[in-house]
Amino acid sequence: CPAMDMIRADIRRALATAGYLDVEVVTVVAPAWSTDWISETGRAKLA
């Protein structure tokens, strides 16, 4: 997914803005993401 680098940068920026400067972003691929993980709120926003 080409968006992952931007997501990691946005996470670091959001945490820095909130005052958290020591940040580690870990990417895991197991278990694999599933569309079942989209929240009901997320489904409603998409629709």
All heavy atoms as atom14 arrays in JSON, in Angstrom:
{
  "sequence": "CPAMDMIRADIRRALATAGYLDVEVVTVVAPAWSTDWISETGRAKLA",
  "atom14_mask": [
    [1, 1, 1, 1, 1, 1, 0, 0, 0, 0, 0, 0, 0, 0],
    [1, 1, 1, 1, 1, 1, 1, 0, 0, 0, 0, 0, 0, 0],
    [1, 1, 1, 1, 1, 0, 0, 0, 0, 0, 0, 0, 0, 0],
    [1, 1, 1, 1, 1, 1, 1, 1, 0, 0, 0, 0, 0, 0],
    [1, 1, 1, 1, 1, 1, 1, 1, 0, 0, 0, 0, 0, 0],
    [1, 1, 1, 1, 1, 1, 1, 1, 0, 0, 0, 0, 0, 0],
    [1, 1, 1, 1, 1, 1, 1, 1, 0, 0, 0, 0, 0, 0],
    [1, 1, 1, 1, 1, 1, 1, 1, 1, 1, 1, 0, 0, 0],
    [1, 1, 1, 1, 1, 0, 0, 0, 0, 0, 0, 0, 0, 0],
    [1, 1, 1, 1, 1, 1, 1, 1, 0, 0, 0, 0, 0, 0],
    [1, 1, 1, 1, 1, 1, 1, 1, 0, 0, 0, 0, 0, 0],
    [1, 1, 1, 1, 1, 1, 1, 1, 1, 1, 1, 0, 0, 0],
    [1, 1, 1, 1, 1, 1, 1, 1, 1, 1, 1, 0, 0, 0],
    [1, 1, 1, 1, 1, 0, 0, 0, 0, 0, 0, 0, 0, 0],
    [1, 1, 1, 1, 1, 1, 1, 1, 0, 0, 0, 0, 0, 0],
    [1, 1, 1, 1, 1, 0, 0, 0, 0, 0, 0, 0, 0, 0],
    [1, 1, 1, 1, 1, 1, 1, 0, 0, 0, 0, 0, 0, 0],
    [1, 1, 1, 1, 1, 0, 0, 0, 0, 0, 0, 0, 0, 0],
    [1, 1, 1, 1, 0, 0, 0, 0, 0, 0, 0, 0, 0, 0],
    [1, 1, 1, 1, 1, 1, 1, 1, 1, 1, 1, 1, 0, 0],
    [1, 1, 1, 1, 1, 1, 1, 1, 0, 0, 0, 0, 0, 0],
    [1, 1, 1, 1, 1, 1, 1, 1, 0, 0, 0, 0, 0, 0],
    [1, 1, 1, 1, 1, 1, 1, 0, 0, 0, 0, 0, 0, 0],
    [1, 1, 1, 1, 1, 1, 1, 1, 1, 0, 0, 0, 0, 0],
    [1, 1, 1, 1, 1, 1, 1, 0, 0, 0, 0, 0, 0, 0],
    [1, 1, 1, 1, 1, 1, 1, 0, 0, 0, 0, 0, 0, 0],
    [1, 1, 1, 1, 1, 1, 1, 0, 0, 0, 0, 0, 0, 0],
    [1, 1, 1, 1, 1, 1, 1, 0, 0, 0, 0, 0, 0, 0],
    [1, 1, 1, 1, 1, 1, 1, 0, 0, 0, 0, 0, 0, 0],
    [1, 1, 1, 1, 1, 0, 0, 0, 0, 0, 0, 0, 0, 0],
    [1, 1, 1, 1, 1, 1, 1, 0, 0, 0, 0, 0, 0, 0],
    [1, 1, 1, 1, 1, 0, 0, 0, 0, 0, 0, 0, 0, 0],
    [1, 1, 1, 1, 1, 1, 1, 1, 1, 1, 1, 1, 1, 1],
    [1, 1, 1, 1, 1, 1, 0, 0, 0, 0, 0, 0, 0, 0],
    [1, 1, 1, 1, 1, 1, 1, 0, 0, 0, 0, 0, 0, 0],
    [1, 1, 1, 1, 1, 1, 1, 1, 0, 0, 0, 0, 0, 0],
    [1, 1, 1, 1, 1, 1, 1, 1, 1, 1, 1, 1, 1, 1],
    [1, 1, 1, 1, 1, 1, 1, 1, 0, 0, 0, 0, 0, 0],
    [1, 1, 1, 1, 1, 1, 0, 0, 0, 0, 0, 0, 0, 0],
    [1, 1, 1, 1, 1, 1, 1, 1, 1, 0, 0, 0, 0, 0],
    [1, 1, 1, 1, 1, 1, 1, 0, 0, 0, 0, 0, 0, 0],
    [1, 1, 1, 1, 0, 0, 0, 0, 0, 0, 0, 0, 0, 0],
    [1, 1, 1, 1, 1, 1, 1, 1, 1, 1, 1, 0, 0, 0],
    [1, 1, 1, 1, 1, 0, 0, 0, 0, 0, 0, 0, 0, 0],
    [1, 1, 1, 1, 1, 1, 1, 1, 1, 0, 0, 0, 0, 0],
    [1, 1, 1, 1, 1, 1, 1, 1, 0, 0, 0, 0, 0, 0],
    [1, 1, 1, 1, 1, 0, 0, 0, 0, 0, 0, 0, 0, 0]
  ],
  "atom14_positions": [
    [[0.85, -1.19, 0.0], [0.0, 0.0, 0.0], [0.89, 1.25, 0.0], [1.69, 1.44, 0.91], [-0.91, 0.0, 1.22], [-1.89, 1.51, 1.38], [0.0, 0.0, 0.0], [0.0, 0.0, 0.0], [0.0, 0.0, 0.0], [0.0, 0.0, 0.0], [0.0, 0.0, 0.0], [0.0, 0.0, 0.0], [0.0, 0.0, 0.0], [0.0, 0.0, 0.0]],
    [[0.76, 2.11, -1.02], [1.63, 3.28, -1.1], [1.34, 4.34, -0.05], [2.14, 5.25, 0.15], [1.36, 3.82, -2.52], [-0.02, 3.35, -2.84], [-0.17, 2.02, -2.15], [0.0, 0.0, 0.0], [0.0, 0.0, 0.0], [0.0, 0.0, 0.0], [0.0, 0.0, 0.0], [0.0, 0.0, 0.0], [0.0, 0.0, 0.0], [0.0, 0.0, 0.0]],
    [[0.21, 4.25, 0.63], [-0.16, 5.25, 1.62], [0.52, 5.05, 2.97], [0.48, 5.93, 3.83], [-1.68, 5.26, 1.82], [0.0, 0.0, 0.0], [0.0, 0.0, 0.0], [0.0, 0.0, 0.0], [0.0, 0.0, 0.0], [0.0, 0.0, 0.0], [0.0, 0.0, 0.0], [0.0, 0.0, 0.0], [0.0, 0.0, 0.0], [0.0, 0.0, 0.0]],
    [[1.16, 3.91, 3.19], [1.71, 3.6, 4.52], [2.79, 4.58, 4.97], [2.84, 4.93, 6.15], [2.22, 2.16, 4.57], [1.11, 1.11, 4.46], [-0.29, 1.37, 5.58], [0.47, 1.03, 7.14], [0.0, 0.0, 0.0], [0.0, 0.0, 0.0], [0.0, 0.0, 0.0], [0.0, 0.0, 0.0], [0.0, 0.0, 0.0], [0.0, 0.0, 0.0]],
    [[3.64, 5.04, 4.08], [4.66, 6.02, 4.48], [4.0, 7.31, 4.96], [4.42, 7.89, 5.97], [5.62, 6.32, 3.32], [6.6, 5.19, 3.05], [6.82, 4.36, 3.96], [7.13, 5.12, 1.92], [0.0, 0.0, 0.0], [0.0, 0.0, 0.0], [0.0, 0.0, 0.0], [0.0, 0.0, 0.0], [0.0, 0.0, 0.0], [0.0, 0.0, 0.0]],
    [[2.97, 7.75, 4.26], [2.25, 8.97, 4.65], [1.52, 8.74, 5.98], [1.52, 9.63, 6.84], [1.25, 9.38, 3.58], [0.47, 10.61, 3.93], [1.47, 12.1, 4.08], [1.82, 12.45, 2.38], [0.0, 0.0, 0.0], [0.0, 0.0, 0.0], [0.0, 0.0, 0.0], [0.0, 0.0, 0.0], [0.0, 0.0, 0.0], [0.0, 0.0, 0.0]],
    [[0.94, 7.57, 6.17], [0.25, 7.27, 7.42], [1.23, 7.31, 8.6], [0.93, 7.9, 9.63], [-0.49, 5.91, 7.33], [-1.68, 6.03, 6.38], [-0.92, 5.42, 8.71], [-2.34, 4.71, 6.02], [0.0, 0.0, 0.0], [0.0, 0.0, 0.0], [0.0, 0.0, 0.0], [0.0, 0.0, 0.0], [0.0, 0.0, 0.0], [0.0, 0.0, 0.0]],
    [[2.41, 6.7, 8.42], [3.41, 6.73, 9.49], [3.82, 8.17, 9.82], [3.93, 8.55, 10.98], [4.62, 5.88, 9.11], [4.39, 4.39, 9.26], [5.68, 3.61, 9.05], [6.02, 3.48, 7.64], [5.55, 2.53, 6.83], [4.74, 1.6, 7.29], [5.91, 2.47, 5.57], [0.0, 0.0, 0.0], [0.0, 0.0, 0.0], [0.0, 0.0, 0.0]],
    [[4.04, 8.98, 8.78], [4.42, 10.38, 8.99], [3.3, 11.16, 9.69], [3.55, 11.96, 10.59], [4.78, 11.03, 7.65], [0.0, 0.0, 0.0], [0.0, 0.0, 0.0], [0.0, 0.0, 0.0], [0.0, 0.0, 0.0], [0.0, 0.0, 0.0], [0.0, 0.0, 0.0], [0.0, 0.0, 0.0], [0.0, 0.0, 0.0], [0.0, 0.0, 0.0]],
    [[2.06, 10.9, 9.29], [0.91, 11.59, 9.9], [0.74, 11.18, 11.36], [0.36, 12.01, 12.21], [-0.37, 11.32, 9.12], [-0.41, 12.03, 7.77], [0.45, 12.91, 7.52], [-1.29, 11.7, 6.95], [0.0, 0.0, 0.0], [0.0, 0.0, 0.0], [0.0, 0.0, 0.0], [0.0, 0.0, 0.0], [0.0, 0.0, 0.0], [0.0, 0.0, 0.0]],
    [[1.01, 9.92, 11.68], [0.94, 9.45, 13.07], [1.99, 10.19, 13.91], [1.68, 10.71, 14.99], [1.15, 7.93, 13.16], [-0.08, 7.19, 12.61], [1.47, 7.49, 14.59], [0.13, 5.69, 12.41], [0.0, 0.0, 0.0], [0.0, 0.0, 0.0], [0.0, 0.0, 0.0], [0.0, 0.0, 0.0], [0.0, 0.0, 0.0], [0.0, 0.0, 0.0]],
    [[3.22, 10.25, 13.41], [4.28, 10.94, 14.14], [3.94, 12.42, 14.34], [4.14, 12.99, 15.41], [5.62, 10.78, 13.42], [6.2, 9.39, 13.55], [7.6, 9.29, 12.93], [8.13, 7.97, 13.08], [7.99, 7.0, 12.17], [7.38, 7.25, 11.03], [8.49, 5.8, 12.38], [0.0, 0.0, 0.0], [0.0, 0.0, 0.0], [0.0, 0.0, 0.0]],
    [[3.4, 13.06, 13.31], [3.04, 14.48, 13.38], [1.91, 14.7, 14.39], [1.97, 15.62, 15.2], [2.63, 14.98, 11.99], [2.4, 16.44, 11.88], [2.19, 16.99, 10.46], [1.85, 16.06, 9.41], [2.74, 15.45, 8.59], [4.02, 15.68, 8.72], [2.34, 14.64, 7.63], [0.0, 0.0, 0.0], [0.0, 0.0, 0.0], [0.0, 0.0, 0.0]],
    [[0.89, 13.84, 14.37], [-0.24, 13.97, 15.31], [0.24, 13.81, 16.76], [-0.19, 14.55, 17.65], [-1.32, 12.95, 14.98], [0.0, 0.0, 0.0], [0.0, 0.0, 0.0], [0.0, 0.0, 0.0], [0.0, 0.0, 0.0], [0.0, 0.0, 0.0], [0.0, 0.0, 0.0], [0.0, 0.0, 0.0], [0.0, 0.0, 0.0], [0.0, 0.0, 0.0]],
    [[1.13, 12.85, 16.97], [1.64, 12.63, 18.32], [2.55, 13.78, 18.78], [2.49, 14.2, 19.94], [2.35, 11.29, 18.42], [1.41, 10.08, 18.42], [2.18, 8.78, 18.22], [0.59, 10.03, 19.7], [0.0, 0.0, 0.0], [0.0, 0.0, 0.0], [0.0, 0.0, 0.0], [0.0, 0.0, 0.0], [0.0, 0.0, 0.0], [0.0, 0.0, 0.0]],
    [[3.37, 14.29, 17.88], [4.23, 15.42, 18.23], [3.38, 16.64, 18.59], [3.67, 17.34, 19.56], [5.17, 15.75, 17.07], [0.0, 0.0, 0.0], [0.0, 0.0, 0.0], [0.0, 0.0, 0.0], [0.0, 0.0, 0.0], [0.0, 0.0, 0.0], [0.0, 0.0, 0.0], [0.0, 0.0, 0.0], [0.0, 0.0, 0.0], [0.0, 0.0, 0.0]],
    [[2.33, 16.88, 17.83], [1.42, 18.0, 18.12], [0.78, 17.84, 19.5], [0.54, 18.82, 20.2], [0.34, 18.1, 17.03], [0.99, 18.33, 15.77], [-0.64, 19.22, 17.3], [0.0, 0.0, 0.0], [0.0, 0.0, 0.0], [0.0, 0.0, 0.0], [0.0, 0.0, 0.0], [0.0, 0.0, 0.0], [0.0, 0.0, 0.0], [0.0, 0.0, 0.0]],
    [[0.5, 16.58, 19.88], [-0.11, 16.31, 21.19], [0.93, 16.24, 22.31], [0.59, 15.96, 23.46], [-0.9, 15.01, 21.12], [0.0, 0.0, 0.0], [0.0, 0.0, 0.0], [0.0, 0.0, 0.0], [0.0, 0.0, 0.0], [0.0, 0.0, 0.0], [0.0, 0.0, 0.0], [0.0, 0.0, 0.0], [0.0, 0.0, 0.0], [0.0, 0.0, 0.0]],
    [[2.23, 16.45, 21.98], [3.27, 16.48, 23.0], [4.02, 15.18, 23.2], [4.82, 15.06, 24.13], [0.0, 0.0, 0.0], [0.0, 0.0, 0.0], [0.0, 0.0, 0.0], [0.0, 0.0, 0.0], [0.0, 0.0, 0.0], [0.0, 0.0, 0.0], [0.0, 0.0, 0.0], [0.0, 0.0, 0.0], [0.0, 0.0, 0.0], [0.0, 0.0, 0.0]],
    [[3.81, 14.21, 22.34], [4.51, 12.93, 22.45], [5.66, 12.93, 21.42], [5.41, 12.91, 20.22], [3.57, 11.76, 22.17], [2.41, 11.69, 23.14], [1.19, 12.3, 22.84], [2.54, 11.02, 24.34], [0.14, 12.24, 23.72], [1.48, 10.95, 25.23], [0.28, 11.57, 24.91], [-0.78, 11.5, 25.79], [0.0, 0.0, 0.0], [0.0, 0.0, 0.0]],
    [[6.88, 12.97, 21.92], [8.03, 13.11, 21.02], [8.78, 11.81, 20.79], [9.49, 11.67, 19.78], [8.97, 14.19, 21.55], [8.31, 15.57, 21.72], [9.3, 16.55, 22.29], [7.71, 16.05, 20.42], [0.0, 0.0, 0.0], [0.0, 0.0, 0.0], [0.0, 0.0, 0.0], [0.0, 0.0, 0.0], [0.0, 0.0, 0.0], [0.0, 0.0, 0.0]],
    [[8.68, 10.86, 21.71], [9.36, 9.57, 21.56], [8.34, 8.57, 21.02], [7.52, 8.03, 21.77], [9.92, 9.11, 22.91], [10.82, 7.88, 22.79], [11.05, 7.41, 21.65], [11.27, 7.38, 23.84], [0.0, 0.0, 0.0], [0.0, 0.0, 0.0], [0.0, 0.0, 0.0], [0.0, 0.0, 0.0], [0.0, 0.0, 0.0], [0.0, 0.0, 0.0]],
    [[8.37, 8.35, 19.71], [7.34, 7.57, 19.04], [7.97, 6.47, 18.18], [8.94, 6.71, 17.47], [6.47, 8.47, 18.14], [5.47, 7.66, 17.33], [5.77, 9.54, 18.96], [0.0, 0.0, 0.0], [0.0, 0.0, 0.0], [0.0, 0.0, 0.0], [0.0, 0.0, 0.0], [0.0, 0.0, 0.0], [0.0, 0.0, 0.0], [0.0, 0.0, 0.0]],
    [[7.4, 5.3, 18.27], [7.77, 4.18, 17.39], [6.51, 3.72, 16.69], [5.48, 3.49, 17.34], [8.37, 3.03, 18.19], [8.72, 1.83, 17.33], [9.23, 0.65, 18.13], [8.97, 0.58, 19.35], [9.87, -0.22, 17.52], [0.0, 0.0, 0.0], [0.0, 0.0, 0.0], [0.0, 0.0, 0.0], [0.0, 0.0, 0.0], [0.0, 0.0, 0.0]],
    [[6.57, 3.61, 15.36], [5.44, 3.1, 14.6], [5.85, 1.73, 14.05], [6.84, 1.62, 13.33], [5.03, 4.04, 13.45], [3.84, 3.46, 12.67], [4.7, 5.43, 13.98], [0.0, 0.0, 0.0], [0.0, 0.0, 0.0], [0.0, 0.0, 0.0], [0.0, 0.0, 0.0], [0.0, 0.0, 0.0], [0.0, 0.0, 0.0], [0.0, 0.0, 0.0]],
    [[5.09, 0.71, 14.44], [5.39, -0.67, 14.05], [4.32, -1.12, 13.06], [3.12, -0.96, 13.31], [5.38, -1.59, 15.29], [5.63, -3.03, 14.89], [6.39, -1.12, 16.31], [0.0, 0.0, 0.0], [0.0, 0.0, 0.0], [0.0, 0.0, 0.0], [0.0, 0.0, 0.0], [0.0, 0.0, 0.0], [0.0, 0.0, 0.0], [0.0, 0.0, 0.0]],
    [[4.77, -1.69, 11.95], [3.85, -2.23, 10.96], [3.84, -3.74, 11.07], [4.91, -4.37, 11.01], [4.26, -1.81, 9.53], [4.31, -0.38, 9.47], [3.29, -2.33, 8.49], [0.0, 0.0, 0.0], [0.0, 0.0, 0.0], [0.0, 0.0, 0.0], [0.0, 0.0, 0.0], [0.0, 0.0, 0.0], [0.0, 0.0, 0.0], [0.0, 0.0, 0.0]],
    [[2.65, -4.31, 11.24], [2.51, -5.76, 11.3], [1.59, -6.2, 10.17], [0.64, -5.49, 9.82], [1.98, -6.25, 12.66], [2.95, -5.94, 13.78], [0.63, -5.67, 12.98], [0.0, 0.0, 0.0], [0.0, 0.0, 0.0], [0.0, 0.0, 0.0], [0.0, 0.0, 0.0], [0.0, 0.0, 0.0], [0.0, 0.0, 0.0], [0.0, 0.0, 0.0]],
    [[1.88, -7.36, 9.61], [1.07, -7.86, 8.49], [0.31, -9.13, 8.84], [-0.42, -9.66, 8.0], [1.94, -8.07, 7.23], [2.49, -6.74, 6.72], [3.07, -9.04, 7.5], [0.0, 0.0, 0.0], [0.0, 0.0, 0.0], [0.0, 0.0, 0.0], [0.0, 0.0, 0.0], [0.0, 0.0, 0.0], [0.0, 0.0, 0.0], [0.0, 0.0, 0.0]],
    [[0.48, -9.62, 10.06], [-0.25, -10.82, 10.47], [-0.93, -10.55, 11.8], [-0.27, -10.07, 12.73], [0.69, -12.01, 10.58], [0.0, 0.0, 0.0], [0.0, 0.0, 0.0], [0.0, 0.0, 0.0], [0.0, 0.0, 0.0], [0.0, 0.0, 0.0], [0.0, 0.0, 0.0], [0.0, 0.0, 0.0], [0.0, 0.0, 0.0], [0.0, 0.0, 0.0]],
    [[-2.2, -10.79, 11.92], [-3.06, -11.25, 10.83], [-3.26, -10.14, 9.8], [-3.17, -8.95, 10.12], [-4.38, -11.58, 11.53], [-4.39, -10.76, 12.77], [-2.95, -10.61, 13.17], [0.0, 0.0, 0.0], [0.0, 0.0, 0.0], [0.0, 0.0, 0.0], [0.0, 0.0, 0.0], [0.0, 0.0, 0.0], [0.0, 0.0, 0.0], [0.0, 0.0, 0.0]],
    [[-3.52, -10.56, 8.58], [-3.72, -9.62, 7.49], [-4.97, -8.79, 7.73], [-5.95, -9.27, 8.3], [-3.84, -10.37, 6.17], [0.0, 0.0, 0.0], [0.0, 0.0, 0.0], [0.0, 0.0, 0.0], [0.0, 0.0, 0.0], [0.0, 0.0, 0.0], [0.0, 0.0, 0.0], [0.0, 0.0, 0.0], [0.0, 0.0, 0.0], [0.0, 0.0, 0.0]],
    [[-4.92, -7.53, 7.31], [-6.06, -6.65, 7.42], [-7.24, -7.23, 6.65], [-7.07, -7.87, 5.61], [-5.71, -5.27, 6.87], [-6.82, -4.27, 6.92], [-7.15, -3.49, 7.97], [-7.74, -3.95, 5.88], [-8.23, -2.69, 7.65], [-8.61, -2.97, 6.37], [-7.93, -4.41, 4.58], [-9.64, -2.41, 5.61], [-8.95, -3.87, 3.82], [-9.79, -2.89, 4.34]],
    [[-8.41, -6.99, 7.13], [-9.64, -7.44, 6.48], [-10.64, -6.29, 6.47], [-10.64, -5.45, 7.39], [-10.23, -8.62, 7.28], [-11.57, -8.85, 6.93], [0.0, 0.0, 0.0], [0.0, 0.0, 0.0], [0.0, 0.0, 0.0], [0.0, 0.0, 0.0], [0.0, 0.0, 0.0], [0.0, 0.0, 0.0], [0.0, 0.0, 0.0], [0.0, 0.0, 0.0]],
    [[-11.49, -6.26, 5.47], [-12.53, -5.24, 5.44], [-13.5, -5.4, 6.6], [-14.24, -4.47, 6.93], [-13.29, -5.26, 4.1], [-13.73, -6.6, 3.83], [-12.41, -4.77, 2.96], [0.0, 0.0, 0.0], [0.0, 0.0, 0.0], [0.0, 0.0, 0.0], [0.0, 0.0, 0.0], [0.0, 0.0, 0.0], [0.0, 0.0, 0.0], [0.0, 0.0, 0.0]],
    [[-13.47, -6.54, 7.27], [-14.27, -6.72, 8.48], [-13.8, -5.77, 9.59], [-14.55, -5.51, 10.53], [-14.17, -8.15, 9.01], [-14.98, -9.13, 8.18], [-15.82, -8.69, 7.37], [-14.77, -10.34, 8.35], [0.0, 0.0, 0.0], [0.0, 0.0, 0.0], [0.0, 0.0, 0.0], [0.0, 0.0, 0.0], [0.0, 0.0, 0.0], [0.0, 0.0, 0.0]],
    [[-12.59, -5.27, 9.5], [-12.04, -4.38, 10.52], [-12.56, -2.94, 10.38], [-12.32, -2.11, 11.26], [-10.53, -4.39, 10.5], [-9.92, -5.71, 10.88], [-10.57, -6.87, 11.2], [-8.53, -6.0, 10.99], [-9.67, -7.86, 11.48], [-8.39, -7.36, 11.36], [-7.38, -5.26, 10.79], [-7.17, -7.97, 11.55], [-6.15, -5.87, 10.98], [-6.05, -7.22, 11.36]],
    [[-13.23, -2.62, 9.27], [-13.81, -1.29, 9.11], [-14.95, -1.16, 10.1], [-15.85, -1.99, 10.15], [-14.31, -1.05, 7.67], [-13.16, -1.2, 6.66], [-14.95, 0.34, 7.55], [-13.61, -1.14, 5.21], [0.0, 0.0, 0.0], [0.0, 0.0, 0.0], [0.0, 0.0, 0.0], [0.0, 0.0, 0.0], [0.0, 0.0, 0.0], [0.0, 0.0, 0.0]],
    [[-14.92, -0.11, 10.91], [-15.95, 0.09, 11.93], [-17.28, 0.46, 11.28], [-17.33, 0.88, 10.12], [-15.52, 1.2, 12.9], [-15.54, 2.45, 12.24], [0.0, 0.0, 0.0], [0.0, 0.0, 0.0], [0.0, 0.0, 0.0], [0.0, 0.0, 0.0], [0.0, 0.0, 0.0], [0.0, 0.0, 0.0], [0.0, 0.0, 0.0], [0.0, 0.0, 0.0]],
    [[-18.35, 0.36, 12.05], [-19.67, 0.79, 11.56], [-19.64, 2.27, 11.24], [-20.24, 2.71, 10.25], [-20.76, 0.45, 12.57], [-21.08, -1.04, 12.63], [-21.43, -1.65, 11.28], [-22.25, -1.05, 10.53], [-20.89, -2.72, 10.94], [0.0, 0.0, 0.0], [0.0, 0.0, 0.0], [0.0, 0.0, 0.0], [0.0, 0.0, 0.0], [0.0, 0.0, 0.0]],
    [[-18.94, 3.04, 12.06], [-18.8, 4.48, 11.8], [-18.07, 4.69, 10.47], [-18.47, 5.53, 9.67], [-18.02, 5.16, 12.95], [-18.76, 4.98, 14.15], [-17.8, 6.64, 12.68], [0.0, 0.0, 0.0], [0.0, 0.0, 0.0], [0.0, 0.0, 0.0], [0.0, 0.0, 0.0], [0.0, 0.0, 0.0], [0.0, 0.0, 0.0], [0.0, 0.0, 0.0]],
    [[-17.01, 3.92, 10.25], [-16.26, 4.01, 9.0], [-17.12, 3.65, 7.8], [-17.07, 4.32, 6.76], [0.0, 0.0, 0.0], [0.0, 0.0, 0.0], [0.0, 0.0, 0.0], [0.0, 0.0, 0.0], [0.0, 0.0, 0.0], [0.0, 0.0, 0.0], [0.0, 0.0, 0.0], [0.0, 0.0, 0.0], [0.0, 0.0, 0.0], [0.0, 0.0, 0.0]],
    [[-17.91, 2.59, 7.92], [-18.8, 2.19, 6.82], [-19.81, 3.3, 6.51], [-20.09, 3.6, 5.35], [-19.52, 0.89, 7.18], [-18.62, -0.31, 7.19], [-19.35, -1.57, 7.71], [-18.4, -2.61, 7.95], [-17.84, -3.38, 7.01], [-18.18, -3.23, 5.76], [-16.96, -4.3, 7.33], [0.0, 0.0, 0.0], [0.0, 0.0, 0.0], [0.0, 0.0, 0.0]],
    [[-20.35, 3.92, 7.57], [-21.31, 5.0, 7.37], [-20.65, 6.21, 6.71], [-21.24, 6.84, 5.83], [-21.93, 5.39, 8.71], [0.0, 0.0, 0.0], [0.0, 0.0, 0.0], [0.0, 0.0, 0.0], [0.0, 0.0, 0.0], [0.0, 0.0, 0.0], [0.0, 0.0, 0.0], [0.0, 0.0, 0.0], [0.0, 0.0, 0.0], [0.0, 0.0, 0.0]],
    [[-19.43, 6.55, 7.13], [-18.71, 7.68, 6.53], [-18.42, 7.41, 5.05], [-18.55, 8.31, 4.22], [-17.39, 7.93, 7.27], [-17.56, 8.56, 8.63], [-16.18, 8.72, 9.28], [-16.23, 9.31, 10.66], [-14.86, 9.41, 11.25], [0.0, 0.0, 0.0], [0.0, 0.0, 0.0], [0.0, 0.0, 0.0], [0.0, 0.0, 0.0], [0.0, 0.0, 0.0]],
    [[-18.02, 6.17, 4.72], [-17.76, 5.82, 3.32], [-19.02, 5.99, 2.49], [-19.01, 6.63, 1.42], [-17.23, 4.39, 3.21], [-15.83, 4.14, 3.72], [-15.55, 2.64, 3.8], [-14.79, 4.82, 2.84], [0.0, 0.0, 0.0], [0.0, 0.0, 0.0], [0.0, 0.0, 0.0], [0.0, 0.0, 0.0], [0.0, 0.0, 0.0], [0.0, 0.0, 0.0]],
    [[-20.12, 5.43, 2.97], [-21.39, 5.51, 2.23], [-21.83, 6.96, 2.06], [-22.28, 7.36, 0.97], [-22.46, 4.69, 2.94], [0.0, 0.0, 0.0], [0.0, 0.0, 0.0], [0.0, 0.0, 0.0], [0.0, 0.0, 0.0], [0.0, 0.0, 0.0], [0.0, 0.0, 0.0], [0.0, 0.0, 0.0], [0.0, 0.0, 0.0], [0.0, 0.0, 0.0]]
  ]
}
